[in-house]
């Protein structure tokens, strides 16, 4: 019997989609699996690195490969513990291989529908963390620093200097994306209390000024 490709099921799209399936099924009706999959599609298709590395149709193929591997093994036992546990929870009373194929087809169908706008399908908490990880992490820096906002940004950059290019680029990219996606005055305030439009602009301006003075 051919062994399942263990490394492929230790991390990656199969586990991400099973996480969403388990969360939806165990939410007591608060979450819709269709909507969670639509958010997954939105995260992947709107991030060129994610889409380049593992597009949605590849994720569907991984789920179908997982289903074939489960069929061949006849059990989930040969698979990595995290995959085994999540696949069993997601499948419930359904045959795991059949469930994985059903999930793959659902993802494929919703992918063909296109990407929903945020007004149509609001951003979920997990989606926010994947879209704005650096801005989310900056929340802890602000709590540690205290004082004027621009001083906190500058203190962070000074701590990273002279190797601050990558972090600076990540912060300004996420801030500018937030301004474009959420153009109102509150911007990301619903998720990050400090991340109003004015504060995001101040973050960008402070970083740009630092890069011009110290690195140009």
N, C-alpha and C. Protein backbone atom coordinates (compact mmCIF):
# COMPACT_ATOMS: atom_id res chain seq x y z
N UNK A 1 0.85 -1.21 0.00
CA UNK A 1 0.00 0.00 0.00
C UNK A 1 0.87 1.25 0.00
N UNK A 2 0.56 2.20 -0.87
CA UNK A 2 1.31 3.45 -0.96
C UNK A 2 1.03 4.31 0.27
N UNK A 3 2.10 4.82 0.90
CA UNK A 3 1.94 5.67 2.08
C UNK A 3 1.46 7.05 1.67
N UNK A 4 0.66 7.70 2.51
CA UNK A 4 0.22 9.07 2.19
C UNK A 4 1.40 10.04 2.25
N UNK A 5 1.40 11.10 1.42
CA UNK A 5 2.48 12.09 1.45
C UNK A 5 2.37 12.94 2.72
N UNK A 6 2.96 12.44 3.81
CA UNK A 6 2.75 13.00 5.14
C UNK A 6 3.05 14.50 5.19
N UNK A 7 4.14 14.92 4.56
CA UNK A 7 4.54 16.33 4.66
C UNK A 7 3.49 17.26 4.08
N UNK A 8 2.76 16.80 3.07
CA UNK A 8 1.74 17.64 2.44
C UNK A 8 0.56 17.87 3.36
N UNK A 9 0.36 16.98 4.32
CA UNK A 9 -0.78 17.09 5.23
C UNK A 9 -0.36 17.52 6.64
N UNK A 10 0.91 17.89 6.79
CA UNK A 10 1.39 18.39 8.08
C UNK A 10 1.10 19.88 8.25
N UNK A 11 0.94 20.57 7.13
CA UNK A 11 0.64 22.01 7.14
C UNK A 11 0.13 22.36 5.75
N UNK A 12 -0.32 23.59 5.59
CA UNK A 12 -0.74 24.03 4.27
C UNK A 12 -2.24 24.11 4.09
N UNK A 13 -2.70 24.15 2.82
CA UNK A 13 -4.10 24.48 2.53
C UNK A 13 -5.11 23.47 3.08
N UNK A 14 -4.77 22.19 3.13
CA UNK A 14 -5.73 21.20 3.64
C UNK A 14 -6.07 21.50 5.09
N UNK A 15 -5.04 21.78 5.90
CA UNK A 15 -5.28 22.10 7.30
C UNK A 15 -6.00 23.43 7.47
N UNK A 16 -5.66 24.44 6.64
CA UNK A 16 -6.34 25.73 6.75
C UNK A 16 -7.83 25.56 6.49
N UNK A 17 -8.18 24.83 5.46
CA UNK A 17 -9.59 24.66 5.11
C UNK A 17 -10.32 23.78 6.12
N UNK A 18 -9.63 22.79 6.65
CA UNK A 18 -10.25 21.97 7.70
C UNK A 18 -10.47 22.79 8.97
N UNK A 19 -9.55 23.70 9.28
CA UNK A 19 -9.74 24.61 10.42
C UNK A 19 -11.04 25.39 10.27
N UNK A 20 -11.26 25.93 9.07
CA UNK A 20 -12.47 26.71 8.82
C UNK A 20 -13.71 25.83 8.91
N UNK A 21 -13.61 24.62 8.38
CA UNK A 21 -14.75 23.70 8.43
C UNK A 21 -15.12 23.33 9.87
N UNK A 22 -14.10 23.04 10.67
CA UNK A 22 -14.35 22.69 12.07
C UNK A 22 -14.95 23.88 12.82
N UNK A 23 -14.39 25.06 12.60
CA UNK A 23 -14.90 26.26 13.28
C UNK A 23 -16.36 26.51 12.94
N UNK A 24 -16.70 26.36 11.66
CA UNK A 24 -18.09 26.58 11.24
C UNK A 24 -19.01 25.53 11.86
N UNK A 25 -18.60 24.28 11.83
CA UNK A 25 -19.46 23.21 12.34
C UNK A 25 -19.65 23.28 13.84
N UNK A 26 -18.63 23.77 14.56
CA UNK A 26 -18.70 23.81 16.01
C UNK A 26 -19.11 25.17 16.56
N UNK A 27 -19.56 26.05 15.68
CA UNK A 27 -19.94 27.41 16.10
C UNK A 27 -21.38 27.50 16.57
N UNK A 28 -22.12 26.41 16.48
CA UNK A 28 -23.52 26.45 16.86
C UNK A 28 -24.37 27.29 15.94
N UNK A 29 -24.01 27.34 14.67
CA UNK A 29 -24.78 28.10 13.69
C UNK A 29 -24.35 29.55 13.54
N UNK A 30 -23.37 30.00 14.32
CA UNK A 30 -22.93 31.39 14.23
C UNK A 30 -22.08 31.65 12.98
N UNK A 31 -21.42 30.61 12.50
CA UNK A 31 -20.58 30.75 11.31
C UNK A 31 -21.15 29.91 10.18
N UNK A 32 -21.02 30.44 8.97
CA UNK A 32 -21.43 29.72 7.76
C UNK A 32 -20.18 29.20 7.07
N UNK A 33 -20.13 27.90 6.78
CA UNK A 33 -18.97 27.35 6.08
C UNK A 33 -18.81 28.01 4.72
N UNK A 34 -19.91 28.25 4.01
CA UNK A 34 -19.82 28.92 2.72
C UNK A 34 -19.12 30.27 2.86
N UNK A 35 -19.51 31.05 3.86
CA UNK A 35 -18.91 32.37 4.04
C UNK A 35 -17.44 32.27 4.45
N UNK A 36 -17.12 31.30 5.29
CA UNK A 36 -15.72 31.13 5.69
C UNK A 36 -14.86 30.74 4.49
N UNK A 37 -15.39 29.91 3.61
CA UNK A 37 -14.66 29.54 2.39
C UNK A 37 -14.53 30.75 1.47
N UNK A 38 -15.59 31.55 1.36
CA UNK A 38 -15.50 32.77 0.55
C UNK A 38 -14.39 33.69 1.08
N UNK A 39 -14.27 33.78 2.39
CA UNK A 39 -13.19 34.59 2.98
C UNK A 39 -11.83 33.99 2.65
N UNK A 40 -11.74 32.69 2.71
CA UNK A 40 -10.49 32.01 2.33
C UNK A 40 -10.12 32.36 0.89
N UNK A 41 -11.09 32.26 0.00
CA UNK A 41 -10.86 32.61 -1.40
C UNK A 41 -10.39 34.06 -1.52
N UNK A 42 -11.01 34.94 -0.77
CA UNK A 42 -10.64 36.36 -0.82
C UNK A 42 -9.21 36.59 -0.33
N UNK A 43 -8.85 35.93 0.76
CA UNK A 43 -7.49 36.09 1.30
C UNK A 43 -6.45 35.63 0.28
N UNK A 44 -6.68 34.48 -0.31
CA UNK A 44 -5.67 33.91 -1.23
C UNK A 44 -5.61 34.70 -2.52
N UNK A 45 -6.75 35.00 -3.12
CA UNK A 45 -6.74 35.65 -4.43
C UNK A 45 -6.30 37.10 -4.37
N UNK A 46 -6.44 37.75 -3.22
CA UNK A 46 -6.05 39.16 -3.13
C UNK A 46 -4.63 39.36 -2.62
N UNK A 47 -3.93 38.28 -2.34
CA UNK A 47 -2.53 38.35 -1.93
C UNK A 47 -1.71 37.65 -3.01
N UNK A 48 -0.91 38.43 -3.73
CA UNK A 48 -0.25 37.84 -4.90
C UNK A 48 0.75 36.77 -4.51
N UNK A 49 1.37 36.88 -3.32
CA UNK A 49 2.32 35.85 -2.88
C UNK A 49 1.58 34.55 -2.59
N UNK A 50 0.47 34.65 -1.86
CA UNK A 50 -0.31 33.45 -1.56
C UNK A 50 -0.85 32.83 -2.84
N UNK A 51 -1.32 33.66 -3.76
CA UNK A 51 -1.89 33.15 -5.00
C UNK A 51 -0.82 32.54 -5.89
N UNK A 52 0.38 33.10 -5.84
CA UNK A 52 1.51 32.55 -6.61
C UNK A 52 1.96 31.22 -6.03
N UNK A 53 1.97 31.12 -4.71
CA UNK A 53 2.49 29.93 -4.05
C UNK A 53 1.49 28.78 -4.02
N UNK A 54 0.23 29.10 -3.74
CA UNK A 54 -0.78 28.04 -3.66
C UNK A 54 -2.15 28.61 -3.99
N UNK A 55 -2.48 28.73 -5.28
CA UNK A 55 -3.79 29.26 -5.66
C UNK A 55 -4.92 28.36 -5.19
N UNK A 56 -6.12 28.90 -5.22
CA UNK A 56 -7.27 28.18 -4.67
C UNK A 56 -7.49 26.84 -5.35
N UNK A 57 -7.33 26.77 -6.68
CA UNK A 57 -7.59 25.50 -7.35
C UNK A 57 -6.54 24.45 -6.96
N UNK A 58 -5.35 24.90 -6.56
CA UNK A 58 -4.36 23.95 -6.05
C UNK A 58 -4.79 23.41 -4.69
N UNK A 59 -5.35 24.28 -3.86
CA UNK A 59 -5.86 23.85 -2.56
C UNK A 59 -6.94 22.78 -2.75
N UNK A 60 -7.80 22.96 -3.75
CA UNK A 60 -8.82 21.95 -4.04
C UNK A 60 -8.16 20.62 -4.42
N UNK A 61 -7.11 20.70 -5.21
CA UNK A 61 -6.38 19.49 -5.60
C UNK A 61 -5.76 18.78 -4.41
N UNK A 62 -5.26 19.56 -3.44
CA UNK A 62 -4.68 18.96 -2.24
C UNK A 62 -5.75 18.22 -1.43
N UNK A 63 -6.93 18.82 -1.33
CA UNK A 63 -8.04 18.15 -0.63
C UNK A 63 -8.42 16.85 -1.33
N UNK A 64 -8.45 16.87 -2.65
CA UNK A 64 -8.80 15.66 -3.39
C UNK A 64 -7.71 14.59 -3.28
N UNK A 65 -6.45 15.03 -3.26
CA UNK A 65 -5.35 14.09 -3.04
C UNK A 65 -5.45 13.48 -1.64
N UNK A 66 -5.82 14.33 -0.67
CA UNK A 66 -6.01 13.83 0.69
C UNK A 66 -7.11 12.77 0.71
N UNK A 67 -8.21 13.04 -0.01
CA UNK A 67 -9.32 12.07 -0.06
C UNK A 67 -8.86 10.75 -0.66
N UNK A 68 -8.09 10.82 -1.76
CA UNK A 68 -7.59 9.59 -2.40
C UNK A 68 -6.65 8.84 -1.45
N UNK A 69 -5.83 9.58 -0.71
CA UNK A 69 -4.89 8.96 0.22
C UNK A 69 -5.63 8.28 1.37
N UNK A 70 -6.70 8.92 1.85
CA UNK A 70 -7.50 8.31 2.91
C UNK A 70 -8.18 7.04 2.39
N UNK A 71 -8.67 7.10 1.17
CA UNK A 71 -9.30 5.92 0.57
C UNK A 71 -8.31 4.76 0.49
N UNK A 72 -7.09 5.05 0.04
CA UNK A 72 -6.10 3.98 -0.11
C UNK A 72 -5.72 3.38 1.24
N UNK A 73 -5.56 4.27 2.24
CA UNK A 73 -5.16 3.81 3.57
C UNK A 73 -6.30 3.10 4.28
N UNK A 74 -7.55 3.50 3.95
CA UNK A 74 -8.70 2.92 4.60
C UNK A 74 -8.93 3.42 6.01
N UNK A 75 -8.12 4.36 6.44
CA UNK A 75 -8.20 4.92 7.79
C UNK A 75 -7.41 6.22 7.84
N UNK A 76 -7.65 7.03 8.88
CA UNK A 76 -6.88 8.26 9.06
C UNK A 76 -5.61 8.03 9.87
N UNK A 77 -5.39 6.84 10.35
CA UNK A 77 -4.29 6.57 11.27
C UNK A 77 -2.89 6.91 10.71
N UNK A 78 -2.61 6.66 9.42
CA UNK A 78 -1.25 6.94 8.93
C UNK A 78 -0.94 8.44 8.79
N UNK A 79 -1.93 9.29 8.97
CA UNK A 79 -1.76 10.71 8.70
C UNK A 79 -1.24 11.46 9.93
N UNK A 80 -0.67 12.66 9.73
CA UNK A 80 -0.17 13.44 10.86
C UNK A 80 -1.29 13.71 11.86
N UNK A 81 -0.97 13.81 13.15
CA UNK A 81 -2.00 13.96 14.18
C UNK A 81 -2.96 15.12 13.96
N UNK A 82 -2.43 16.29 13.58
CA UNK A 82 -3.30 17.46 13.40
C UNK A 82 -4.29 17.22 12.27
N UNK A 83 -3.82 16.68 11.15
CA UNK A 83 -4.71 16.39 10.02
C UNK A 83 -5.74 15.34 10.43
N UNK A 84 -5.30 14.29 11.09
CA UNK A 84 -6.18 13.21 11.50
C UNK A 84 -7.30 13.73 12.40
N UNK A 85 -6.93 14.55 13.37
CA UNK A 85 -7.90 15.07 14.33
C UNK A 85 -8.90 16.03 13.66
N UNK A 86 -8.39 16.92 12.81
CA UNK A 86 -9.27 17.90 12.18
C UNK A 86 -10.17 17.27 11.12
N UNK A 87 -9.64 16.33 10.38
CA UNK A 87 -10.45 15.66 9.36
C UNK A 87 -11.59 14.87 10.02
N UNK A 88 -11.30 14.22 11.13
CA UNK A 88 -12.34 13.45 11.84
C UNK A 88 -13.40 14.38 12.41
N UNK A 89 -12.99 15.51 12.99
CA UNK A 89 -13.96 16.45 13.56
C UNK A 89 -14.82 17.08 12.47
N UNK A 90 -14.19 17.44 11.35
CA UNK A 90 -14.94 18.07 10.26
C UNK A 90 -15.92 17.09 9.62
N UNK A 91 -15.48 15.86 9.44
CA UNK A 91 -16.32 14.87 8.76
C UNK A 91 -17.48 14.42 9.63
N UNK A 92 -17.29 14.36 10.94
CA UNK A 92 -18.35 13.89 11.82
C UNK A 92 -18.75 12.46 11.48
N UNK A 93 -20.02 12.25 11.18
CA UNK A 93 -20.52 10.91 10.85
C UNK A 93 -20.28 10.53 9.38
N UNK A 94 -19.76 11.47 8.61
CA UNK A 94 -19.53 11.24 7.18
C UNK A 94 -18.19 10.54 6.97
N UNK A 95 -18.07 9.74 5.92
CA UNK A 95 -16.80 9.13 5.57
C UNK A 95 -15.77 10.23 5.31
N UNK A 96 -14.60 10.21 5.95
CA UNK A 96 -13.63 11.30 5.80
C UNK A 96 -13.22 11.58 4.35
N UNK A 97 -13.01 10.54 3.58
CA UNK A 97 -12.63 10.75 2.18
C UNK A 97 -13.75 11.44 1.40
N UNK A 98 -14.96 11.00 1.63
CA UNK A 98 -16.11 11.63 0.97
C UNK A 98 -16.24 13.09 1.40
N UNK A 99 -16.01 13.34 2.70
CA UNK A 99 -16.11 14.72 3.18
C UNK A 99 -15.05 15.60 2.52
N UNK A 100 -13.83 15.13 2.42
CA UNK A 100 -12.75 15.92 1.82
C UNK A 100 -13.07 16.25 0.36
N UNK A 101 -13.66 15.30 -0.36
CA UNK A 101 -14.04 15.58 -1.76
C UNK A 101 -15.18 16.60 -1.81
N UNK A 102 -16.11 16.48 -0.89
CA UNK A 102 -17.23 17.44 -0.84
C UNK A 102 -16.72 18.84 -0.53
N UNK A 103 -15.77 18.93 0.41
CA UNK A 103 -15.20 20.24 0.75
C UNK A 103 -14.44 20.82 -0.43
N UNK A 104 -13.70 19.99 -1.15
CA UNK A 104 -12.96 20.46 -2.34
C UNK A 104 -13.92 21.01 -3.38
N UNK A 105 -15.03 20.33 -3.60
CA UNK A 105 -16.00 20.80 -4.59
C UNK A 105 -16.66 22.10 -4.14
N UNK A 106 -16.93 22.23 -2.85
CA UNK A 106 -17.49 23.48 -2.34
C UNK A 106 -16.54 24.64 -2.58
N UNK A 107 -15.27 24.43 -2.28
CA UNK A 107 -14.27 25.48 -2.49
C UNK A 107 -14.20 25.85 -3.97
N UNK A 108 -14.22 24.85 -4.83
CA UNK A 108 -14.15 25.10 -6.27
C UNK A 108 -15.37 25.90 -6.76
N UNK A 109 -16.54 25.56 -6.28
CA UNK A 109 -17.77 26.27 -6.68
C UNK A 109 -17.72 27.73 -6.23
N UNK A 110 -17.34 27.95 -4.97
CA UNK A 110 -17.33 29.31 -4.43
C UNK A 110 -16.21 30.14 -5.06
N UNK A 111 -15.12 29.49 -5.44
CA UNK A 111 -14.04 30.19 -6.13
C UNK A 111 -14.53 30.73 -7.47
N UNK A 112 -15.35 29.96 -8.15
CA UNK A 112 -15.88 30.41 -9.46
C UNK A 112 -16.84 31.58 -9.31
N UNK A 113 -17.43 31.75 -8.14
CA UNK A 113 -18.36 32.87 -7.93
C UNK A 113 -17.65 34.22 -7.91
N UNK A 114 -16.35 34.23 -7.66
CA UNK A 114 -15.61 35.49 -7.57
C UNK A 114 -15.45 35.93 -6.12
N UNK A 115 -14.77 37.06 -5.94
CA UNK A 115 -14.42 37.54 -4.60
C UNK A 115 -15.48 38.52 -4.10
N UNK A 116 -16.07 38.28 -2.93
CA UNK A 116 -17.08 39.20 -2.40
C UNK A 116 -16.44 40.48 -1.85
N UNK A 117 -17.14 41.59 -1.99
CA UNK A 117 -16.69 42.86 -1.41
C UNK A 117 -16.88 42.81 0.11
N UNK A 118 -16.15 43.67 0.82
CA UNK A 118 -16.24 43.68 2.28
C UNK A 118 -17.61 44.18 2.76
N UNK A 119 -18.27 45.02 1.96
CA UNK A 119 -19.61 45.46 2.31
C UNK A 119 -20.59 44.29 2.25
N UNK A 120 -20.33 43.36 1.35
CA UNK A 120 -21.19 42.19 1.18
C UNK A 120 -20.88 41.13 2.23
N UNK A 121 -19.59 40.92 2.49
CA UNK A 121 -19.15 39.91 3.45
C UNK A 121 -18.05 40.53 4.32
N UNK A 122 -18.39 40.98 5.52
CA UNK A 122 -17.41 41.66 6.38
C UNK A 122 -16.20 40.78 6.68
N UNK A 123 -15.08 41.43 6.93
CA UNK A 123 -13.84 40.73 7.24
C UNK A 123 -13.96 40.05 8.61
N UNK A 124 -13.59 38.78 8.67
CA UNK A 124 -13.61 38.03 9.93
C UNK A 124 -12.31 38.27 10.69
N UNK A 125 -12.29 37.87 11.98
CA UNK A 125 -11.11 38.08 12.79
C UNK A 125 -9.89 37.38 12.26
N UNK A 126 -10.03 36.10 11.86
CA UNK A 126 -8.87 35.37 11.33
C UNK A 126 -8.39 35.97 10.03
N UNK A 127 -9.34 36.49 9.24
CA UNK A 127 -8.99 37.11 7.96
C UNK A 127 -8.21 38.40 8.20
N UNK A 128 -8.62 39.16 9.22
CA UNK A 128 -7.91 40.39 9.56
C UNK A 128 -6.46 40.08 9.93
N UNK A 129 -6.25 39.04 10.72
CA UNK A 129 -4.89 38.69 11.15
C UNK A 129 -4.02 38.28 9.97
N UNK A 130 -4.60 37.66 8.96
CA UNK A 130 -3.84 37.27 7.78
C UNK A 130 -3.58 38.46 6.85
N UNK A 131 -4.47 39.43 6.85
CA UNK A 131 -4.35 40.58 5.95
C UNK A 131 -3.49 41.69 6.53
N UNK A 132 -3.57 41.88 7.86
CA UNK A 132 -2.83 42.97 8.51
C UNK A 132 -2.02 42.47 9.71
N UNK A 133 -1.15 41.49 9.51
CA UNK A 133 -0.42 40.92 10.65
C UNK A 133 0.52 41.91 11.32
N UNK A 134 1.16 42.78 10.54
CA UNK A 134 2.12 43.72 11.13
C UNK A 134 1.41 44.84 11.89
N UNK A 135 0.30 45.33 11.35
CA UNK A 135 -0.46 46.35 12.07
C UNK A 135 -1.03 45.77 13.37
N UNK A 136 -1.46 44.52 13.33
CA UNK A 136 -1.95 43.88 14.54
C UNK A 136 -0.83 43.75 15.58
N UNK A 137 0.35 43.36 15.13
CA UNK A 137 1.47 43.24 16.04
C UNK A 137 1.92 44.56 16.61
N UNK A 138 1.70 45.65 15.87
CA UNK A 138 2.11 46.97 16.34
C UNK A 138 1.28 47.41 17.55
N UNK A 139 0.13 46.80 17.73
CA UNK A 139 -0.71 47.10 18.88
C UNK A 139 0.04 46.86 20.19
N UNK A 140 0.79 45.76 20.25
CA UNK A 140 1.57 45.44 21.45
C UNK A 140 2.71 46.43 21.64
N UNK A 141 3.30 46.88 20.55
CA UNK A 141 4.38 47.87 20.63
C UNK A 141 3.86 49.18 21.21
N UNK A 142 2.68 49.59 20.78
CA UNK A 142 2.09 50.82 21.29
C UNK A 142 1.81 50.73 22.79
N UNK A 143 1.34 49.58 23.23
CA UNK A 143 1.07 49.41 24.66
C UNK A 143 2.35 49.47 25.48
N UNK A 144 3.44 48.93 24.92
CA UNK A 144 4.72 48.95 25.63
C UNK A 144 5.34 50.34 25.65
N UNK A 145 5.21 51.05 24.55
CA UNK A 145 5.87 52.34 24.40
C UNK A 145 5.16 53.46 25.16
N UNK A 146 3.86 53.60 24.93
CA UNK A 146 3.15 54.75 25.48
C UNK A 146 3.64 56.03 24.79
N UNK A 147 3.18 57.17 25.23
CA UNK A 147 3.62 58.45 24.67
C UNK A 147 3.02 58.74 23.32
N UNK A 148 3.48 59.81 22.64
CA UNK A 148 2.95 60.20 21.33
C UNK A 148 3.09 59.09 20.30
N UNK A 149 2.11 59.02 19.42
CA UNK A 149 2.07 57.94 18.44
C UNK A 149 3.31 57.94 17.55
N UNK A 150 3.64 59.10 16.99
CA UNK A 150 4.78 59.17 16.07
C UNK A 150 6.07 58.78 16.78
N UNK A 151 6.21 59.12 18.06
CA UNK A 151 7.41 58.74 18.82
C UNK A 151 7.51 57.23 18.96
N UNK A 152 6.37 56.58 19.14
CA UNK A 152 6.37 55.12 19.25
C UNK A 152 6.80 54.48 17.93
N UNK A 153 6.31 55.03 16.82
CA UNK A 153 6.70 54.51 15.51
C UNK A 153 8.20 54.69 15.31
N UNK A 154 8.70 55.88 15.64
CA UNK A 154 10.11 56.19 15.45
C UNK A 154 10.99 55.33 16.36
N UNK A 155 10.53 55.11 17.58
CA UNK A 155 11.28 54.27 18.52
C UNK A 155 11.39 52.84 17.99
N UNK A 156 10.32 52.35 17.41
CA UNK A 156 10.35 51.02 16.82
C UNK A 156 11.35 50.95 15.68
N UNK A 157 11.31 51.94 14.80
CA UNK A 157 12.23 51.95 13.65
C UNK A 157 13.67 52.06 14.10
N UNK A 158 13.91 52.89 15.11
CA UNK A 158 15.26 53.06 15.63
C UNK A 158 15.80 51.74 16.18
N UNK A 159 14.92 50.99 16.81
CA UNK A 159 15.31 49.69 17.34
C UNK A 159 15.66 48.70 16.25
N UNK A 160 15.07 48.86 15.07
CA UNK A 160 15.32 47.95 13.95
C UNK A 160 16.47 48.44 13.07
N UNK A 161 16.79 49.72 13.16
CA UNK A 161 17.81 50.36 12.30
C UNK A 161 19.18 49.72 12.53
N UNK A 162 20.01 49.49 11.48
CA UNK A 162 19.82 49.88 10.08
C UNK A 162 19.13 48.83 9.22
N UNK A 163 18.56 47.79 9.84
CA UNK A 163 17.97 46.69 9.08
C UNK A 163 16.44 46.78 9.11
N UNK A 164 15.94 47.98 8.93
CA UNK A 164 14.50 48.20 9.10
C UNK A 164 13.73 48.22 7.78
N UNK A 165 14.41 47.97 6.65
CA UNK A 165 13.75 48.10 5.36
C UNK A 165 12.53 47.20 5.23
N UNK A 166 12.71 45.92 5.55
CA UNK A 166 11.62 44.98 5.35
C UNK A 166 10.43 45.27 6.27
N UNK A 167 10.72 45.55 7.54
CA UNK A 167 9.63 45.84 8.48
C UNK A 167 8.94 47.14 8.10
N UNK A 168 9.72 48.14 7.72
CA UNK A 168 9.14 49.43 7.33
C UNK A 168 8.24 49.26 6.11
N UNK A 169 8.70 48.49 5.13
CA UNK A 169 7.91 48.26 3.92
C UNK A 169 6.62 47.53 4.26
N UNK A 170 6.70 46.55 5.17
CA UNK A 170 5.51 45.78 5.53
C UNK A 170 4.47 46.65 6.23
N UNK A 171 4.92 47.51 7.16
CA UNK A 171 3.99 48.39 7.88
C UNK A 171 3.32 49.38 6.93
N UNK A 172 4.10 50.03 6.09
CA UNK A 172 3.50 51.03 5.20
C UNK A 172 2.61 50.39 4.15
N UNK A 173 2.97 49.20 3.69
CA UNK A 173 2.13 48.51 2.71
C UNK A 173 0.77 48.17 3.31
N UNK A 174 0.77 47.62 4.53
CA UNK A 174 -0.49 47.27 5.18
C UNK A 174 -1.31 48.52 5.50
N UNK A 175 -0.65 49.58 5.94
CA UNK A 175 -1.37 50.81 6.26
C UNK A 175 -2.01 51.41 5.01
N UNK A 176 -1.28 51.43 3.91
CA UNK A 176 -1.84 51.98 2.67
C UNK A 176 -2.96 51.10 2.14
N UNK A 177 -2.82 49.79 2.30
CA UNK A 177 -3.89 48.89 1.88
C UNK A 177 -5.15 49.13 2.70
N UNK A 178 -4.97 49.34 4.01
CA UNK A 178 -6.12 49.61 4.87
C UNK A 178 -6.83 50.89 4.46
N UNK A 179 -6.05 51.91 4.10
CA UNK A 179 -6.65 53.17 3.66
C UNK A 179 -7.45 53.00 2.38
N UNK A 180 -6.96 52.13 1.50
CA UNK A 180 -7.65 51.92 0.23
C UNK A 180 -8.90 51.04 0.40
N UNK A 181 -8.79 50.01 1.25
CA UNK A 181 -9.90 49.08 1.42
C UNK A 181 -10.99 49.63 2.33
N UNK A 182 -10.59 50.45 3.31
CA UNK A 182 -11.53 50.99 4.30
C UNK A 182 -11.34 52.51 4.37
N UNK A 183 -11.86 53.23 3.38
CA UNK A 183 -11.55 54.66 3.22
C UNK A 183 -12.23 55.60 4.20
N UNK A 184 -13.11 55.11 5.05
CA UNK A 184 -13.77 55.99 6.02
C UNK A 184 -12.81 56.49 7.08
N UNK A 185 -13.24 57.45 7.88
CA UNK A 185 -12.38 58.03 8.91
C UNK A 185 -11.96 57.00 9.96
N UNK A 186 -12.82 56.01 10.22
CA UNK A 186 -12.50 55.01 11.24
C UNK A 186 -11.51 53.96 10.75
N UNK A 187 -11.41 53.80 9.43
CA UNK A 187 -10.47 52.83 8.84
C UNK A 187 -10.57 51.47 9.53
N UNK A 188 -9.52 51.06 10.26
CA UNK A 188 -9.51 49.75 10.92
C UNK A 188 -9.87 49.83 12.40
N UNK A 189 -10.44 50.92 12.83
CA UNK A 189 -10.68 51.14 14.25
C UNK A 189 -11.55 50.04 14.88
N UNK A 190 -12.41 49.45 14.10
CA UNK A 190 -13.26 48.38 14.64
C UNK A 190 -12.44 47.19 15.11
N UNK A 191 -11.27 46.99 14.51
CA UNK A 191 -10.38 45.89 14.88
C UNK A 191 -9.20 46.34 15.73
N UNK A 192 -8.69 47.55 15.45
CA UNK A 192 -7.56 48.12 16.18
C UNK A 192 -7.95 49.53 16.60
N UNK A 193 -8.04 49.76 17.88
CA UNK A 193 -8.58 51.03 18.37
C UNK A 193 -7.79 52.24 17.91
N UNK A 194 -6.50 52.07 17.65
CA UNK A 194 -5.65 53.20 17.26
C UNK A 194 -5.66 53.44 15.75
N UNK A 195 -6.12 52.46 14.97
CA UNK A 195 -5.89 52.49 13.52
C UNK A 195 -6.95 53.27 12.76
N UNK A 196 -7.11 54.55 13.11
CA UNK A 196 -7.98 55.45 12.35
C UNK A 196 -7.26 55.88 11.08
N UNK A 197 -7.97 56.56 10.21
CA UNK A 197 -7.35 57.03 8.97
C UNK A 197 -6.19 57.98 9.26
N UNK A 198 -6.37 58.90 10.21
CA UNK A 198 -5.31 59.84 10.54
C UNK A 198 -4.08 59.13 11.09
N UNK A 199 -4.29 58.14 11.95
CA UNK A 199 -3.16 57.44 12.54
C UNK A 199 -2.41 56.61 11.49
N UNK A 200 -3.14 55.99 10.58
CA UNK A 200 -2.48 55.21 9.53
C UNK A 200 -1.66 56.12 8.63
N UNK A 201 -2.18 57.31 8.34
CA UNK A 201 -1.41 58.28 7.55
C UNK A 201 -0.16 58.73 8.32
N UNK A 202 -0.31 58.93 9.62
CA UNK A 202 0.82 59.34 10.45
C UNK A 202 1.88 58.25 10.49
N UNK A 203 1.43 57.01 10.55
CA UNK A 203 2.37 55.88 10.51
C UNK A 203 3.16 55.89 9.20
N UNK A 204 2.47 56.04 8.09
CA UNK A 204 3.13 56.07 6.78
C UNK A 204 4.10 57.23 6.69
N UNK A 205 3.66 58.43 7.10
CA UNK A 205 4.51 59.62 6.99
C UNK A 205 5.75 59.51 7.87
N UNK A 206 5.60 58.96 9.08
CA UNK A 206 6.74 58.83 9.99
C UNK A 206 7.76 57.85 9.44
N UNK A 207 7.28 56.75 8.90
CA UNK A 207 8.19 55.76 8.32
C UNK A 207 8.87 56.31 7.08
N UNK A 208 8.11 56.98 6.22
CA UNK A 208 8.69 57.56 5.01
C UNK A 208 9.76 58.59 5.36
N UNK A 209 9.48 59.41 6.37
CA UNK A 209 10.46 60.42 6.78
C UNK A 209 11.74 59.76 7.29
N UNK A 210 11.59 58.72 8.09
CA UNK A 210 12.76 58.00 8.60
C UNK A 210 13.59 57.41 7.45
N UNK A 211 12.91 56.79 6.50
CA UNK A 211 13.63 56.15 5.38
C UNK A 211 14.34 57.19 4.53
N UNK A 212 13.71 58.36 4.36
CA UNK A 212 14.35 59.42 3.57
C UNK A 212 15.58 59.96 4.30
N UNK A 213 15.47 60.19 5.60
CA UNK A 213 16.57 60.78 6.35
C UNK A 213 17.73 59.81 6.59
N UNK A 214 17.38 58.54 6.85
CA UNK A 214 18.42 57.59 7.28
C UNK A 214 18.90 56.65 6.19
N UNK A 215 18.15 56.54 5.10
CA UNK A 215 18.48 55.50 4.13
C UNK A 215 18.58 55.98 2.69
N UNK A 216 18.27 57.24 2.43
CA UNK A 216 18.31 57.69 1.02
C UNK A 216 19.71 58.17 0.66
